[in-house]
Amino acid sequence: MSESGDIFHPPVVVRPPTRGARPYRRVEIYGRTVGRATGPQDVVELIRHAGVAEPDLDDPDLVAWRGGDRTVWEHPAGEG
């Protein structure tokens, strides 16, 4: 395997929405779960708490969105 850093992982990962009446997305920073977000502002606050003053949620070098982008806050199958 190459050690040149060919595989890049952004420090923030926003996981897919959960199912149910009150869906949320788990937020991880450097592999550690730091909280649950119910909207983009929650993600911003979690990143600010980690030390980034003005996080850009559209920056792929900072945030990786799994299971949909910053506009997706419900599980694709809907409730249940």
N, C-alpha and C. Protein backbone atom coordinates (compact mmCIF):
# COMPACT_ATOMS: atom_id res chain seq x y z
N MET A 1 0.82 -1.19 0.00
CA MET A 1 0.00 0.00 0.00
C MET A 1 0.85 1.25 0.00
N SER A 2 0.33 2.25 -0.62
CA SER A 2 1.04 3.52 -0.70
C SER A 2 0.90 4.29 0.60
N GLU A 3 1.97 4.95 1.00
CA GLU A 3 1.93 5.79 2.20
C GLU A 3 1.89 7.26 1.82
N SER A 4 1.59 7.56 0.57
CA SER A 4 1.61 8.94 0.10
C SER A 4 0.34 9.70 0.43
N GLY A 5 -0.60 9.07 1.11
CA GLY A 5 -1.83 9.75 1.48
C GLY A 5 -2.85 9.75 0.36
N ASP A 6 -2.86 8.69 -0.45
CA ASP A 6 -3.80 8.62 -1.57
C ASP A 6 -5.26 8.59 -1.12
N ILE A 7 -5.51 8.07 0.06
CA ILE A 7 -6.89 7.98 0.55
C ILE A 7 -7.08 9.10 1.57
N PHE A 8 -8.00 10.01 1.24
CA PHE A 8 -8.27 11.15 2.11
C PHE A 8 -9.63 10.98 2.76
N HIS A 9 -9.70 11.25 4.05
CA HIS A 9 -10.95 11.21 4.78
C HIS A 9 -11.15 12.56 5.46
N PRO A 10 -12.23 13.27 5.14
CA PRO A 10 -12.49 14.53 5.83
C PRO A 10 -12.63 14.29 7.34
N PRO A 11 -12.27 15.26 8.14
CA PRO A 11 -12.35 15.07 9.60
C PRO A 11 -13.78 14.92 10.12
N VAL A 12 -14.76 15.50 9.43
CA VAL A 12 -16.15 15.45 9.89
C VAL A 12 -16.94 14.53 8.97
N VAL A 13 -17.67 13.59 9.57
CA VAL A 13 -18.54 12.70 8.81
C VAL A 13 -19.94 12.81 9.40
N VAL A 14 -20.91 13.10 8.52
CA VAL A 14 -22.31 13.16 8.93
C VAL A 14 -22.97 11.91 8.39
N ARG A 15 -23.41 11.04 9.29
CA ARG A 15 -23.98 9.74 8.94
C ARG A 15 -25.40 9.88 8.40
N PRO A 16 -25.92 8.84 7.74
CA PRO A 16 -27.28 8.90 7.18
C PRO A 16 -28.34 9.13 8.26
N PRO A 17 -29.49 9.68 7.84
CA PRO A 17 -30.57 9.91 8.80
C PRO A 17 -31.10 8.60 9.38
N THR A 18 -31.50 8.67 10.63
CA THR A 18 -32.12 7.51 11.26
C THR A 18 -33.57 7.42 10.82
N ARG A 19 -34.19 6.29 11.09
CA ARG A 19 -35.61 6.10 10.81
C ARG A 19 -36.41 6.60 12.00
N GLY A 20 -37.69 6.80 11.80
CA GLY A 20 -38.57 7.12 12.91
C GLY A 20 -39.16 8.51 12.82
N ALA A 21 -39.97 8.82 13.82
CA ALA A 21 -40.70 10.08 13.85
C ALA A 21 -39.79 11.28 14.09
N ARG A 22 -38.67 11.07 14.77
CA ARG A 22 -37.72 12.16 15.06
C ARG A 22 -36.34 11.80 14.54
N PRO A 23 -36.17 11.80 13.21
CA PRO A 23 -34.87 11.41 12.65
C PRO A 23 -33.76 12.40 13.00
N TYR A 24 -32.56 11.88 13.05
CA TYR A 24 -31.37 12.69 13.29
C TYR A 24 -30.23 12.06 12.51
N ARG A 25 -29.14 12.79 12.42
CA ARG A 25 -27.93 12.28 11.79
C ARG A 25 -26.80 12.34 12.80
N ARG A 26 -26.09 11.25 12.97
CA ARG A 26 -24.95 11.19 13.88
C ARG A 26 -23.77 11.92 13.24
N VAL A 27 -23.07 12.71 14.03
CA VAL A 27 -21.92 13.47 13.55
C VAL A 27 -20.66 12.93 14.22
N GLU A 28 -19.67 12.64 13.40
CA GLU A 28 -18.38 12.16 13.90
C GLU A 28 -17.29 13.14 13.50
N ILE A 29 -16.36 13.36 14.39
CA ILE A 29 -15.18 14.18 14.09
C ILE A 29 -13.97 13.34 14.44
N TYR A 30 -13.13 13.13 13.44
CA TYR A 30 -11.96 12.26 13.56
C TYR A 30 -12.33 10.90 14.13
N GLY A 31 -13.45 10.34 13.64
CA GLY A 31 -13.86 9.00 14.02
C GLY A 31 -14.58 8.87 15.34
N ARG A 32 -14.76 9.98 16.03
CA ARG A 32 -15.41 9.95 17.34
C ARG A 32 -16.79 10.61 17.24
N THR A 33 -17.83 9.93 17.70
CA THR A 33 -19.16 10.51 17.67
C THR A 33 -19.21 11.68 18.65
N VAL A 34 -19.62 12.85 18.13
CA VAL A 34 -19.65 14.05 18.96
C VAL A 34 -21.08 14.54 19.22
N GLY A 35 -22.05 13.96 18.52
CA GLY A 35 -23.43 14.37 18.78
C GLY A 35 -24.39 13.96 17.69
N ARG A 36 -25.63 14.39 17.89
CA ARG A 36 -26.71 14.13 16.94
C ARG A 36 -27.17 15.47 16.38
N ALA A 37 -27.45 15.47 15.08
CA ALA A 37 -27.92 16.69 14.42
C ALA A 37 -29.30 16.45 13.82
N THR A 38 -30.18 17.41 14.00
CA THR A 38 -31.50 17.35 13.38
C THR A 38 -31.61 18.35 12.24
N GLY A 39 -30.54 19.08 11.98
CA GLY A 39 -30.49 20.04 10.88
C GLY A 39 -29.08 20.56 10.71
N PRO A 40 -28.83 21.30 9.63
CA PRO A 40 -27.48 21.81 9.35
C PRO A 40 -26.91 22.67 10.48
N GLN A 41 -27.74 23.46 11.14
CA GLN A 41 -27.22 24.32 12.21
C GLN A 41 -26.62 23.51 13.35
N ASP A 42 -27.19 22.34 13.63
CA ASP A 42 -26.62 21.47 14.67
C ASP A 42 -25.22 21.01 14.26
N VAL A 43 -25.05 20.69 12.97
CA VAL A 43 -23.73 20.26 12.48
C VAL A 43 -22.73 21.41 12.64
N VAL A 44 -23.15 22.61 12.26
CA VAL A 44 -22.29 23.79 12.40
C VAL A 44 -21.85 23.96 13.86
N GLU A 45 -22.79 23.85 14.78
CA GLU A 45 -22.47 24.05 16.20
C GLU A 45 -21.50 22.98 16.71
N LEU A 46 -21.68 21.74 16.29
CA LEU A 46 -20.77 20.67 16.72
C LEU A 46 -19.36 20.91 16.19
N ILE A 47 -19.27 21.38 14.94
CA ILE A 47 -17.95 21.67 14.38
C ILE A 47 -17.32 22.88 15.06
N ARG A 48 -18.11 23.90 15.33
CA ARG A 48 -17.59 25.07 16.07
C ARG A 48 -17.06 24.66 17.44
N HIS A 49 -17.81 23.80 18.10
CA HIS A 49 -17.38 23.33 19.43
C HIS A 49 -16.03 22.60 19.34
N ALA A 50 -15.76 22.00 18.18
CA ALA A 50 -14.49 21.30 17.98
C ALA A 50 -13.36 22.24 17.59
N GLY A 51 -13.69 23.54 17.37
CA GLY A 51 -12.62 24.51 17.14
C GLY A 51 -12.57 25.17 15.78
N VAL A 52 -13.53 24.91 14.91
CA VAL A 52 -13.55 25.58 13.60
C VAL A 52 -14.56 26.72 13.69
N ALA A 53 -14.07 27.95 13.64
CA ALA A 53 -14.91 29.12 13.88
C ALA A 53 -16.03 29.29 12.86
N GLU A 54 -15.73 29.16 11.59
CA GLU A 54 -16.72 29.36 10.52
C GLU A 54 -16.72 28.15 9.59
N PRO A 55 -17.31 27.04 10.00
CA PRO A 55 -17.28 25.84 9.16
C PRO A 55 -18.12 25.99 7.90
N ASP A 56 -17.60 25.49 6.79
CA ASP A 56 -18.31 25.48 5.51
C ASP A 56 -18.81 24.06 5.28
N LEU A 57 -20.11 23.85 5.44
CA LEU A 57 -20.68 22.51 5.31
C LEU A 57 -20.60 21.96 3.90
N ASP A 58 -20.31 22.81 2.92
CA ASP A 58 -20.19 22.38 1.54
C ASP A 58 -18.74 22.08 1.14
N ASP A 59 -17.82 22.19 2.09
CA ASP A 59 -16.41 21.94 1.81
C ASP A 59 -16.12 20.44 1.96
N PRO A 60 -15.86 19.73 0.84
CA PRO A 60 -15.61 18.29 0.94
C PRO A 60 -14.31 17.94 1.66
N ASP A 61 -13.43 18.92 1.85
CA ASP A 61 -12.21 18.66 2.62
C ASP A 61 -12.49 18.71 4.12
N LEU A 62 -13.65 19.23 4.51
CA LEU A 62 -14.03 19.31 5.92
C LEU A 62 -15.11 18.31 6.28
N VAL A 63 -16.15 18.20 5.44
CA VAL A 63 -17.33 17.40 5.79
C VAL A 63 -17.64 16.37 4.72
N ALA A 64 -17.84 15.12 5.14
CA ALA A 64 -18.32 14.06 4.25
C ALA A 64 -19.75 13.74 4.66
N TRP A 65 -20.67 13.88 3.72
CA TRP A 65 -22.08 13.59 3.97
C TRP A 65 -22.37 12.18 3.48
N ARG A 66 -22.89 11.34 4.36
CA ARG A 66 -23.25 9.96 4.01
C ARG A 66 -24.77 9.84 4.01
N GLY A 67 -25.32 9.20 3.00
CA GLY A 67 -26.76 9.00 2.96
C GLY A 67 -27.55 10.24 2.58
N GLY A 68 -26.91 11.15 1.85
CA GLY A 68 -27.57 12.37 1.42
C GLY A 68 -26.78 13.60 1.83
N ASP A 69 -27.02 14.69 1.14
CA ASP A 69 -26.28 15.92 1.42
C ASP A 69 -26.91 16.69 2.58
N ARG A 70 -26.52 17.94 2.74
CA ARG A 70 -26.97 18.74 3.89
C ARG A 70 -28.46 19.05 3.88
N THR A 71 -29.15 18.72 2.79
CA THR A 71 -30.59 18.98 2.71
C THR A 71 -31.42 17.76 3.12
N VAL A 72 -30.79 16.62 3.34
CA VAL A 72 -31.51 15.38 3.65
C VAL A 72 -31.49 15.13 5.15
N TRP A 73 -32.69 15.16 5.76
CA TRP A 73 -32.79 14.95 7.20
C TRP A 73 -33.80 13.89 7.59
N GLU A 74 -34.35 13.19 6.61
CA GLU A 74 -35.24 12.06 6.87
C GLU A 74 -34.74 10.85 6.13
N HIS A 75 -34.97 9.68 6.70
CA HIS A 75 -34.59 8.43 6.06
C HIS A 75 -35.38 8.30 4.75
N PRO A 76 -34.76 7.82 3.68
CA PRO A 76 -35.47 7.72 2.39
C PRO A 76 -36.77 6.94 2.45
N ALA A 77 -36.86 5.96 3.35
CA ALA A 77 -38.08 5.15 3.44
C ALA A 77 -39.17 5.87 4.24
N GLY A 78 -38.87 7.08 4.72
CA GLY A 78 -39.85 7.82 5.52
C GLY A 78 -39.86 7.34 6.94
N GLU A 79 -40.96 7.54 7.62
CA GLU A 79 -41.07 7.13 9.02
C GLU A 79 -41.20 5.63 9.12
N GLY A 80 -40.74 5.15 10.29
CA GLY A 80 -40.94 3.72 10.56
C GLY A 80 -39.75 2.97 10.50
